[in-house]
């Protein structure tokens, strides 16, 4: 994160810029590049609560942020593939939990 405090609009523009440049780069031959950029985007999104009052974030984005911040070699194919598989399983569990809460009227 930048040392100075950005406005929510500046941060949103940063995420938008990141996504546009990522989309362009995904057109190339590097198949893992797109997956890595999407994980980096989850990290960026994990910081939105710093800019938007009342936004709490979620555990999936926190996991992505922790993954990137704790391993400088996170982008290696075997590590990234494993993490994405773990995130897919965690997403499924979160979706099941939300559906259960919705059906129980919570």
Protein backbone atom coordinates (compact mmCIF):
# COMPACT_ATOMS: atom_id res chain seq x y z
CA UNK A 1 0.00 0.00 0.00
CA UNK A 2 1.02 3.57 -0.66
CA UNK A 3 2.40 5.45 2.36
CA UNK A 4 0.06 8.41 1.91
CA UNK A 5 -3.65 7.90 2.43
CA UNK A 6 -5.48 7.74 -0.88
CA UNK A 7 -9.07 8.75 -1.34
CA UNK A 8 -11.64 6.05 -2.11
CA UNK A 9 -11.84 7.40 -5.68
CA UNK A 10 -8.07 7.18 -6.11
CA UNK A 11 -8.06 3.64 -4.78
CA UNK A 12 -10.93 2.60 -7.05
CA UNK A 13 -9.06 4.11 -10.02
CA UNK A 14 -5.98 2.10 -9.00
CA UNK A 15 -8.01 -1.11 -9.00
CA UNK A 16 -9.59 -0.19 -12.34
CA UNK A 17 -6.18 0.52 -13.88
CA UNK A 18 -4.85 -2.75 -12.52
CA UNK A 19 -7.75 -4.71 -14.03
CA UNK A 20 -7.45 -3.06 -17.44
CA UNK A 21 -3.70 -3.66 -17.66
CA UNK A 22 -4.22 -7.21 -16.40
CA UNK A 23 -6.86 -7.92 -19.03
CA UNK A 24 -4.54 -6.68 -21.75
CA UNK A 25 -1.64 -8.80 -20.49
CA UNK A 26 -3.86 -11.89 -20.23
CA UNK A 27 -4.09 -11.85 -24.01
CA UNK A 28 -0.46 -13.02 -24.12
CA UNK A 29 0.94 -16.53 -23.87
CA UNK A 30 1.68 -16.54 -20.11
CA UNK A 31 -1.19 -18.70 -18.82
CA UNK A 32 -0.45 -18.20 -15.10
CA UNK A 33 -0.18 -14.44 -15.44
CA UNK A 34 -3.94 -13.92 -15.42
CA UNK A 35 -4.44 -16.04 -12.32
CA UNK A 36 -1.68 -14.18 -10.50
CA UNK A 37 -3.14 -10.80 -11.40
CA UNK A 38 -6.57 -11.87 -10.16
CA UNK A 39 -5.07 -12.90 -6.80
CA UNK A 40 -3.32 -9.52 -6.67
CA UNK A 41 -6.69 -7.87 -7.36
CA UNK A 42 -8.21 -9.72 -4.40
CA UNK A 43 -5.41 -8.24 -2.31
CA UNK A 44 -6.28 -4.74 -3.56
CA UNK A 45 -9.96 -5.32 -2.81
CA UNK A 46 -9.09 -6.48 0.71
CA UNK A 47 -8.05 -2.89 1.46
CA UNK A 48 -11.36 -1.29 0.40
CA UNK A 49 -12.67 -1.18 4.00
CA UNK A 50 -9.87 1.33 4.69
CA UNK A 51 -11.59 3.68 2.23
CA UNK A 52 -15.29 2.93 2.61
CA UNK A 53 -16.85 3.40 6.04
CA UNK A 54 -19.13 0.53 6.99
CA UNK A 55 -17.52 -1.94 4.57
CA UNK A 56 -16.18 -4.89 6.53
CA UNK A 57 -14.50 -6.92 3.82
CA UNK A 58 -14.50 -10.71 3.97
CA UNK A 59 -12.35 -13.64 4.94
CA UNK A 60 -11.62 -14.69 1.36
CA UNK A 61 -10.05 -11.34 0.52
CA UNK A 62 -8.14 -11.43 3.80
CA UNK A 63 -6.74 -14.86 2.86
CA UNK A 64 -5.55 -13.50 -0.48
CA UNK A 65 -3.87 -10.57 1.21
CA UNK A 66 -2.16 -12.83 3.76
CA UNK A 67 -1.00 -15.20 1.01
CA UNK A 68 0.67 -12.39 -0.94
CA UNK A 69 2.16 -10.68 2.08
CA UNK A 70 3.68 -13.78 3.68
CA UNK A 71 5.44 -15.38 0.71
CA UNK A 72 7.52 -13.34 -1.71
CA UNK A 73 7.50 -16.27 -4.16
CA UNK A 74 3.69 -16.65 -4.16
CA UNK A 75 3.60 -16.40 -7.95
CA UNK A 76 5.44 -19.72 -8.50
CA UNK A 77 3.12 -22.04 -10.39
CA UNK A 78 2.87 -24.75 -7.73
CA UNK A 79 2.19 -22.26 -4.92
CA UNK A 80 -0.29 -20.20 -6.91
CA UNK A 81 -2.16 -23.27 -8.18
CA UNK A 82 -2.41 -24.70 -4.67
CA UNK A 83 -3.65 -21.38 -3.28
CA UNK A 84 -6.28 -20.96 -6.00
CA UNK A 85 -7.55 -24.50 -5.31
CA UNK A 86 -7.73 -23.72 -1.58
CA UNK A 87 -9.58 -20.47 -2.32
CA UNK A 88 -12.05 -22.32 -4.54
CA UNK A 89 -12.82 -24.72 -1.70
CA UNK A 90 -13.13 -21.84 0.78
CA UNK A 91 -15.48 -20.02 -1.62
CA UNK A 92 -17.67 -23.09 -1.88
CA UNK A 93 -17.89 -23.31 1.92
CA UNK A 94 -18.73 -19.60 2.20
CA UNK A 95 -21.43 -19.94 -0.46
CA UNK A 96 -22.94 -22.93 1.34
CA UNK A 97 -22.92 -20.97 4.59
CA UNK A 98 -24.62 -17.96 2.99
CA UNK A 99 -27.26 -20.13 1.33
CA UNK A 100 -27.94 -21.87 4.62
CA UNK A 101 -28.30 -18.53 6.43
CA UNK A 102 -30.62 -17.26 3.70
CA UNK A 103 -32.82 -20.36 3.82
CA UNK A 104 -32.99 -20.11 7.64
CA UNK A 105 -34.14 -16.52 7.41
CA UNK A 106 -31.01 -15.07 9.02
